[in-house]
């Protein structure tokens, strides 16, 4: 499926679409960031902290 863009999966169509929208938003943010210069890429340990903080995001 090369060159066909993103593929998003979810428990249902709504959750897959929400994930696809979130990915699009992140891509736009990254594109805008690189226009301003070299972005700071988080280390693995920094990402671990972020992932721990958001693991229950949107879970009632």
PDB file of N, CA and C in Angstrom:
ATOM      1  N   UNK A   1       0.821  -1.188   0.000  1.00  0.00           N
ATOM      2  CA  UNK A   1       0.000   0.000   0.000  1.00  0.00           C
ATOM      3  C   UNK A   1       0.866   1.254   0.000  1.00  0.00           C
ATOM      4  N   UNK A   2       2.044   1.163  -0.544  1.00  0.00           N
ATOM      5  CA  UNK A   2       2.901   2.339  -0.554  1.00  0.00           C
ATOM      6  C   UNK A   2       2.253   3.474  -1.329  1.00  0.00           C
ATOM      7  N   UNK A   3       2.509   4.673  -0.880  1.00  0.00           N
ATOM      8  CA  UNK A   3       2.018   5.909  -1.516  1.00  0.00           C
ATOM      9  C   UNK A   3       0.512   6.088  -1.443  1.00  0.00           C
ATOM     10  N   UNK A   4      -0.141   5.434  -0.508  1.00  0.00           N
ATOM     11  CA  UNK A   4      -1.583   5.591  -0.366  1.00  0.00           C
ATOM     12  C   UNK A   4      -1.975   6.414   0.845  1.00  0.00           C
ATOM     13  N   UNK A   5      -1.004   6.958   1.571  1.00  0.00           N
ATOM     14  CA  UNK A   5      -1.329   7.790   2.718  1.00  0.00           C
ATOM     15  C   UNK A   5      -1.537   6.971   3.973  1.00  0.00           C
ATOM     16  N   UNK A   6      -2.143   7.615   4.938  1.00  0.00           N
ATOM     17  CA  UNK A   6      -2.310   6.978   6.244  1.00  0.00           C
ATOM     18  C   UNK A   6      -3.411   5.917   6.241  1.00  0.00           C
ATOM     19  N   UNK A   7      -3.266   4.992   7.175  1.00  0.00           N
ATOM     20  CA  UNK A   7      -4.289   3.991   7.440  1.00  0.00           C
ATOM     21  C   UNK A   7      -4.536   4.034   8.943  1.00  0.00           C
ATOM     22  N   UNK A   8      -5.780   4.196   9.347  1.00  0.00           N
ATOM     23  CA  UNK A   8      -6.119   4.279  10.769  1.00  0.00           C
ATOM     24  C   UNK A   8      -7.110   3.180  11.117  1.00  0.00           C
ATOM     25  N   UNK A   9      -6.870   2.536  12.247  1.00  0.00           N
ATOM     26  CA  UNK A   9      -7.738   1.477  12.725  1.00  0.00           C
ATOM     27  C   UNK A   9      -8.348   1.879  14.063  1.00  0.00           C
ATOM     28  N   UNK A  10      -9.528   1.378  14.341  1.00  0.00           N
ATOM     29  CA  UNK A  10     -10.165   1.618  15.624  1.00  0.00           C
ATOM     30  C   UNK A  10     -11.206   0.553  15.875  1.00  0.00           C
ATOM     31  N   UNK A  11     -11.796   0.617  17.056  1.00  0.00           N
ATOM     32  CA  UNK A  11     -12.835  -0.351  17.399  1.00  0.00           C
ATOM     33  C   UNK A  11     -14.064  -0.193  16.518  1.00  0.00           C
ATOM     34  N   UNK A  12     -14.256   1.021  15.992  1.00  0.00           N
ATOM     35  CA  UNK A  12     -15.365   1.293  15.081  1.00  0.00           C
ATOM     36  C   UNK A  12     -14.942   2.429  14.155  1.00  0.00           C
ATOM     37  N   UNK A  13     -15.794   2.769  13.218  1.00  0.00           N
ATOM     38  CA  UNK A  13     -15.461   3.797  12.240  1.00  0.00           C
ATOM     39  C   UNK A  13     -15.200   5.143  12.910  1.00  0.00           C
ATOM     40  N   UNK A  14     -15.990   5.470  13.921  1.00  0.00           N
ATOM     41  CA  UNK A  14     -15.832   6.751  14.607  1.00  0.00           C
ATOM     42  C   UNK A  14     -14.454   6.873  15.262  1.00  0.00           C
ATOM     43  N   UNK A  15     -14.009   5.835  15.953  1.00  0.00           N
ATOM     44  CA  UNK A  15     -12.711   5.904  16.620  1.00  0.00           C
ATOM     45  C   UNK A  15     -11.556   5.902  15.613  1.00  0.00           C
ATOM     46  N   UNK A  16     -11.708   5.176  14.517  1.00  0.00           N
ATOM     47  CA  UNK A  16     -10.680   5.184  13.472  1.00  0.00           C
ATOM     48  C   UNK A  16     -10.592   6.562  12.820  1.00  0.00           C
ATOM     49  N   UNK A  17     -11.726   7.183  12.584  1.00  0.00           N
ATOM     50  CA  UNK A  17     -11.738   8.512  11.981  1.00  0.00           C
ATOM     51  C   UNK A  17     -11.136   9.542  12.931  1.00  0.00           C
ATOM     52  N   UNK A  18     -11.448   9.424  14.224  1.00  0.00           N
ATOM     53  CA  UNK A  18     -10.884  10.346  15.217  1.00  0.00           C
ATOM     54  C   UNK A  18      -9.365  10.232  15.248  1.00  0.00           C
ATOM     55  N   UNK A  19      -8.854   9.006  15.181  1.00  0.00           N
ATOM     56  CA  UNK A  19      -7.412   8.793  15.151  1.00  0.00           C
ATOM     57  C   UNK A  19      -6.804   9.396  13.881  1.00  0.00           C
ATOM     58  N   UNK A  20      -7.472   9.219  12.746  1.00  0.00           N
ATOM     59  CA  UNK A  20      -6.981   9.784  11.493  1.00  0.00           C
ATOM     60  C   UNK A  20      -6.937  11.310  11.563  1.00  0.00           C
ATOM     61  N   UNK A  21      -7.957  11.917  12.148  1.00  0.00           N
ATOM     62  CA  UNK A  21      -7.968  13.377  12.307  1.00  0.00           C
ATOM     63  C   UNK A  21      -6.831  13.848  13.206  1.00  0.00           C
ATOM     64  N   UNK A  22      -6.590  13.123  14.287  1.00  0.00           N
ATOM     65  CA  UNK A  22      -5.514  13.493  15.209  1.00  0.00           C
ATOM     66  C   UNK A  22      -4.156  13.413  14.519  1.00  0.00           C
ATOM     67  N   UNK A  23      -3.954  12.374  13.719  1.00  0.00           N
ATOM     68  CA  UNK A  23      -2.710  12.246  12.977  1.00  0.00           C
ATOM     69  C   UNK A  23      -2.535  13.402  12.000  1.00  0.00           C
ATOM     70  N   UNK A  24      -3.604  13.774  11.314  1.00  0.00           N
ATOM     71  CA  UNK A  24      -3.545  14.922  10.398  1.00  0.00           C
ATOM     72  C   UNK A  24      -3.156  16.194  11.139  1.00  0.00           C
ATOM     73  N   UNK A  25      -3.749  16.413  12.310  1.00  0.00           N
ATOM     74  CA  UNK A  25      -3.419  17.604  13.107  1.00  0.00           C
ATOM     75  C   UNK A  25      -1.946  17.608  13.507  1.00  0.00           C
ATOM     76  N   UNK A  26      -1.442  16.463  13.943  1.00  0.00           N
ATOM     77  CA  UNK A  26      -0.038  16.369  14.338  1.00  0.00           C
ATOM     78  C   UNK A  26       0.872  16.632  13.140  1.00  0.00           C
ATOM     79  N   UNK A  27       0.517  16.119  11.983  1.00  0.00           N
ATOM     80  CA  UNK A  27       1.311  16.350  10.777  1.00  0.00           C
ATOM     81  C   UNK A  27       1.347  17.838  10.423  1.00  0.00           C
ATOM     82  N   UNK A  28       0.214  18.500  10.518  1.00  0.00           N
ATOM     83  CA  UNK A  28       0.179  19.942  10.248  1.00  0.00           C
ATOM     84  C   UNK A  28       1.044  20.702  11.241  1.00  0.00           C
ATOM     85  N   UNK A  29       0.992  20.310  12.506  1.00  0.00           N
ATOM     86  CA  UNK A  29       1.829  20.956  13.517  1.00  0.00           C
ATOM     87  C   UNK A  29       3.305  20.764  13.195  1.00  0.00           C
ATOM     88  N   UNK A  30       3.680  19.571  12.781  1.00  0.00           N
ATOM     89  CA  UNK A  30       5.080  19.299  12.458  1.00  0.00           C
ATOM     90  C   UNK A  30       5.524  20.111  11.252  1.00  0.00           C
ATOM     91  N   UNK A  31       4.696  20.169  10.226  1.00  0.00           N
ATOM     92  CA  UNK A  31       5.040  20.958   9.034  1.00  0.00           C
ATOM     93  C   UNK A  31       5.238  22.420   9.392  1.00  0.00           C
ATOM     94  N   UNK A  32       4.338  22.962  10.208  1.00  0.00           N
ATOM     95  CA  UNK A  32       4.481  24.361  10.632  1.00  0.00           C
ATOM     96  C   UNK A  32       5.722  24.554  11.483  1.00  0.00           C
ATOM     97  N   UNK A  33       6.062  23.570  12.296  1.00  0.00           N
ATOM     98  CA  UNK A  33       7.247  23.662  13.150  1.00  0.00           C
ATOM     99  C   UNK A  33       8.524  23.691  12.316  1.00  0.00           C
ATOM    100  N   UNK A  34       8.627  22.816  11.321  1.00  0.00           N
ATOM    101  CA  UNK A  34       9.863  22.783  10.540  1.00  0.00           C
ATOM    102  C   UNK A  34      10.022  24.030   9.675  1.00  0.00           C
ATOM    103  N   UNK A  35       8.928  24.723   9.404  1.00  0.00           N
ATOM    104  CA  UNK A  35       9.032  25.996   8.692  1.00  0.00           C
ATOM    105  C   UNK A  35       9.745  27.047   9.539  1.00  0.00           C
ATOM    106  N   UNK A  36       9.669  26.886  10.865  1.00  0.00           N
ATOM    107  CA  UNK A  36      10.285  27.845  11.788  1.00  0.00           C
ATOM    108  C   UNK A  36      11.735  27.489  12.117  1.00  0.00           C
ATOM    109  N   UNK A  37      12.168  26.301  11.771  1.00  0.00           N
ATOM    110  CA  UNK A  37      13.527  25.873  12.078  1.00  0.00           C
ATOM    111  C   UNK A  37      13.557  24.420  12.496  1.00  0.00           C
ATOM    112  N   UNK A  38      14.671  24.006  13.073  1.00  0.00           N
ATOM    113  CA  UNK A  38      14.862  22.628  13.488  1.00  0.00           C
ATOM    114  C   UNK A  38      14.052  22.338  14.750  1.00  0.00           C
ATOM    115  N   UNK A  39      13.088  21.403  14.688  1.00  0.00           N
ATOM    116  CA  UNK A  39      12.294  21.100  15.892  1.00  0.00           C
ATOM    117  C   UNK A  39      13.122  20.297  16.896  1.00  0.00           C
ATOM    118  N   UNK A  40      12.786  20.434  18.161  1.00  0.00           N
ATOM    119  CA  UNK A  40      13.436  19.651  19.217  1.00  0.00           C
ATOM    120  C   UNK A  40      12.696  18.318  19.314  1.00  0.00           C
ATOM    121  N   UNK A  41      13.387  17.256  19.055  1.00  0.00           N
ATOM    122  CA  UNK A  41      12.811  15.922  19.126  1.00  0.00           C
ATOM    123  C   UNK A  41      12.979  15.407  20.553  1.00  0.00           C
ATOM    124  N   UNK A  42      11.893  14.932  21.142  1.00  0.00           N
ATOM    125  CA  UNK A  42      11.945  14.431  22.513  1.00  0.00           C
ATOM    126  C   UNK A  42      12.706  13.107  22.574  1.00  0.00           C
ATOM    127  N   UNK A  43      13.432  12.919  23.670  1.00  0.00           N
ATOM    128  CA  UNK A  43      14.140  11.661  23.884  1.00  0.00           C
ATOM    129  C   UNK A  43      13.124  10.579  24.269  1.00  0.00           C
ATOM    130  N   UNK A  44      13.583   9.349  24.298  1.00  0.00           N
ATOM    131  CA  UNK A  44      12.704   8.242  24.691  1.00  0.00           C
ATOM    132  C   UNK A  44      12.188   8.421  26.110  1.00  0.00           C
ATOM    133  N   UNK A  45      13.054   8.871  27.011  1.00  0.00           N
ATOM    134  CA  UNK A  45      12.616   9.058  28.402  1.00  0.00           C
ATOM    135  C   UNK A  45      11.622  10.208  28.512  1.00  0.00           C
ATOM    136  N   UNK A  46      11.801  11.273  27.730  1.00  0.00           N
ATOM    137  CA  UNK A  46      10.835  12.377  27.723  1.00  0.00           C
ATOM    138  C   UNK A  46       9.493  11.905  27.165  1.00  0.00           C
ATOM    139  N   UNK A  47       9.531  11.068  26.126  1.00  0.00           N
ATOM    140  CA  UNK A  47       8.295  10.529  25.556  1.00  0.00           C
ATOM    141  C   UNK A  47       7.589   9.619  26.541  1.00  0.00           C
ATOM    142  N   UNK A  48       8.351   8.850  27.314  1.00  0.00           N
ATOM    143  CA  UNK A  48       7.751   7.981  28.341  1.00  0.00           C
ATOM    144  C   UNK A  48       6.947   8.804  29.346  1.00  0.00           C
ATOM    145  N   UNK A  49       7.488   9.955  29.746  1.00  0.00           N
ATOM    146  CA  UNK A  49       6.789  10.831  30.691  1.00  0.00           C
ATOM    147  C   UNK A  49       5.492  11.346  30.066  1.00  0.00           C
ATOM    148  N   UNK A  50       5.548  11.783  28.827  1.00  0.00           N
ATOM    149  CA  UNK A  50       4.363  12.300  28.135  1.00  0.00           C
ATOM    150  C   UNK A  50       3.315  11.196  27.983  1.00  0.00           C
ATOM    151  N   UNK A  51       3.739  10.029  27.541  1.00  0.00           N
ATOM    152  CA  UNK A  51       2.795   8.924  27.331  1.00  0.00           C
ATOM    153  C   UNK A  51       2.116   8.506  28.627  1.00  0.00           C
ATOM    154  N   UNK A  52       2.853   8.544  29.724  1.00  0.00           N
ATOM    155  CA  UNK A  52       2.261   8.225  31.025  1.00  0.00           C
ATOM    156  C   UNK A  52       1.187   9.249  31.387  1.00  0.00           C
ATOM    157  N   UNK A  53       1.443  10.515  31.076  1.00  0.00           N
ATOM    158  CA  UNK A  53       0.496  11.572  31.419  1.00  0.00           C
ATOM    159  C   UNK A  53      -0.786  11.503  30.594  1.00  0.00           C
ATOM    160  N   UNK A  54      -0.695  11.010  29.354  1.00  0.00           N
ATOM    161  CA  UNK A  54      -1.867  11.029  28.474  1.00  0.00           C
ATOM    162  C   UNK A  54      -2.512   9.655  28.279  1.00  0.00           C
ATOM    163  N   UNK A  55      -2.063   8.643  29.016  1.00  0.00           N
ATOM    164  CA  UNK A  55      -2.573   7.288  28.778  1.00  0.00           C
ATOM    165  C   UNK A  55      -4.074   7.158  29.038  1.00  0.00           C
ATOM    166  N   UNK A  56      -4.632   8.006  29.869  1.00  0.00           N
ATOM    167  CA  UNK A  56      -6.074   7.953  30.131  1.00  0.00           C
ATOM    168  C   UNK A  56      -6.835   9.090  29.456  1.00  0.00           C
ATOM    169  N   UNK A  57      -6.199   9.755  28.520  1.00  0.00           N
ATOM    170  CA  UNK A  57      -6.821  10.852  27.793  1.00  0.00           C
ATOM    171  C   UNK A  57      -8.077  10.359  27.069  1.00  0.00           C
ATOM    172  N   UNK A  58      -9.162  11.054  27.270  1.00  0.00           N
ATOM    173  CA  UNK A  58     -10.463  10.764  26.646  1.00  0.00           C
ATOM    174  C   UNK A  58     -11.085   9.457  27.136  1.00  0.00           C
ATOM    175  N   UNK A  59     -10.679   8.969  28.288  1.00  0.00           N
ATOM    176  CA  UNK A  59     -11.276   7.754  28.841  1.00  0.00           C
ATOM    177  C   UNK A  59     -12.135   8.129  30.054  1.00  0.00           C
ATOM    178  N   UNK A  60     -13.268   8.788  29.761  1.00  0.00           N
ATOM    179  CA  UNK A  60     -14.253   9.169  30.756  1.00  0.00           C
ATOM    180  C   UNK A  60     -13.738   9.318  32.086  1.00  0.00           C
TER     181      UNK A  60
END
